[in-house]
Amino acid sequence: MSILLYLIPIALGLGFIGLAGFMWTLKNGQYDDIEGARWRILSDDDLPNR
């Protein structure tokens, strides 16, 4: 039962780190251009011209 005294704070800390990372990506505009990624995957810019 004493192991819970260690596991609960560790789980809460990891959850907070994940939440902080998600909030950081929102602040830096990571999800601003969702539609652009969908169309960029279909472009053939990396193919050589013939």
C-alpha atoms as a PDB file:
ATOM      1  CA  MET A   1       0.000   0.000   0.000  1.00  0.00           C
ATOM      2  CA  SER A   2       2.918   2.348   0.609  1.00  0.00           C
ATOM      3  CA  ILE A   3       3.888   2.086  -3.077  1.00  0.00           C
ATOM      4  CA  LEU A   4       0.854   4.250  -3.856  1.00  0.00           C
ATOM      5  CA  LEU A   5       2.561   7.097  -2.028  1.00  0.00           C
ATOM      6  CA  TYR A   6       5.131   7.045  -4.831  1.00  0.00           C
ATOM      7  CA  LEU A   7       3.017   6.066  -7.828  1.00  0.00           C
ATOM      8  CA  ILE A   8       0.245   8.643  -7.449  1.00  0.00           C
ATOM      9  CA  PRO A   9       2.567  11.696  -7.440  1.00  0.00           C
ATOM     10  CA  ILE A  10       4.570  10.216 -10.321  1.00  0.00           C
ATOM     11  CA  ALA A  11       1.386   9.664 -12.356  1.00  0.00           C
ATOM     12  CA  LEU A  12       0.151  13.171 -11.585  1.00  0.00           C
ATOM     13  CA  GLY A  13       3.538  14.621 -12.512  1.00  0.00           C
ATOM     14  CA  LEU A  14       3.624  12.782 -15.837  1.00  0.00           C
ATOM     15  CA  GLY A  15       0.078  13.884 -16.567  1.00  0.00           C
ATOM     16  CA  PHE A  16       1.014  17.483 -15.849  1.00  0.00           C
ATOM     17  CA  ILE A  17       4.065  17.227 -18.120  1.00  0.00           C
ATOM     18  CA  GLY A  18       1.866  15.890 -20.924  1.00  0.00           C
ATOM     19  CA  LEU A  19      -0.691  18.643 -20.410  1.00  0.00           C
ATOM     20  CA  ALA A  20       2.030  21.294 -20.337  1.00  0.00           C
ATOM     21  CA  GLY A  21       3.480  19.907 -23.586  1.00  0.00           C
ATOM     22  CA  PHE A  22       0.076  19.994 -25.239  1.00  0.00           C
ATOM     23  CA  MET A  23      -0.539  23.567 -24.088  1.00  0.00           C
ATOM     24  CA  TRP A  24       2.910  24.543 -25.412  1.00  0.00           C
ATOM     25  CA  THR A  25       2.071  23.149 -28.865  1.00  0.00           C
ATOM     26  CA  LEU A  26      -1.206  25.075 -28.861  1.00  0.00           C
ATOM     27  CA  LYS A  27       0.614  28.292 -27.951  1.00  0.00           C
ATOM     28  CA  ASN A  28       3.189  27.832 -30.720  1.00  0.00           C
ATOM     29  CA  GLY A  29       0.576  27.293 -33.440  1.00  0.00           C
ATOM     30  CA  GLN A  30       1.238  23.618 -34.113  1.00  0.00           C
ATOM     31  CA  TYR A  31      -2.396  22.990 -35.078  1.00  0.00           C
ATOM     32  CA  ASP A  32      -3.096  26.168 -37.070  1.00  0.00           C
ATOM     33  CA  ASP A  33      -2.928  24.646 -40.575  1.00  0.00           C
ATOM     34  CA  ILE A  34      -4.753  21.330 -40.346  1.00  0.00           C
ATOM     35  CA  GLU A  35      -6.088  21.523 -43.918  1.00  0.00           C
ATOM     36  CA  GLY A  36      -2.649  22.243 -45.410  1.00  0.00           C
ATOM     37  CA  ALA A  37      -1.184  18.949 -44.233  1.00  0.00           C
ATOM     38  CA  ARG A  38      -3.985  17.049 -45.920  1.00  0.00           C
ATOM     39  CA  TRP A  39      -3.238  18.614 -49.312  1.00  0.00           C
ATOM     40  CA  ARG A  40       0.546  18.626 -48.917  1.00  0.00           C
ATOM     41  CA  ILE A  41       0.641  14.833 -48.679  1.00  0.00           C
ATOM     42  CA  LEU A  42      -0.967  14.587 -52.135  1.00  0.00           C
ATOM     43  CA  SER A  43       1.498  16.878 -53.915  1.00  0.00           C
ATOM     44  CA  ASP A  44       4.206  15.326 -56.101  1.00  0.00           C
ATOM     45  CA  ASP A  45       6.848  18.005 -55.621  1.00  0.00           C
ATOM     46  CA  ASP A  46       9.552  15.450 -54.839  1.00  0.00           C
ATOM     47  CA  LEU A  47       9.242  13.693 -58.214  1.00  0.00           C
ATOM     48  CA  PRO A  48      11.772  14.695 -60.909  1.00  0.00           C
ATOM     49  CA  ASN A  49      10.440  16.503 -63.985  1.00  0.00           C
ATOM     50  CA  ARG A  50      10.509  14.452 -67.175  1.00  0.00           C
END
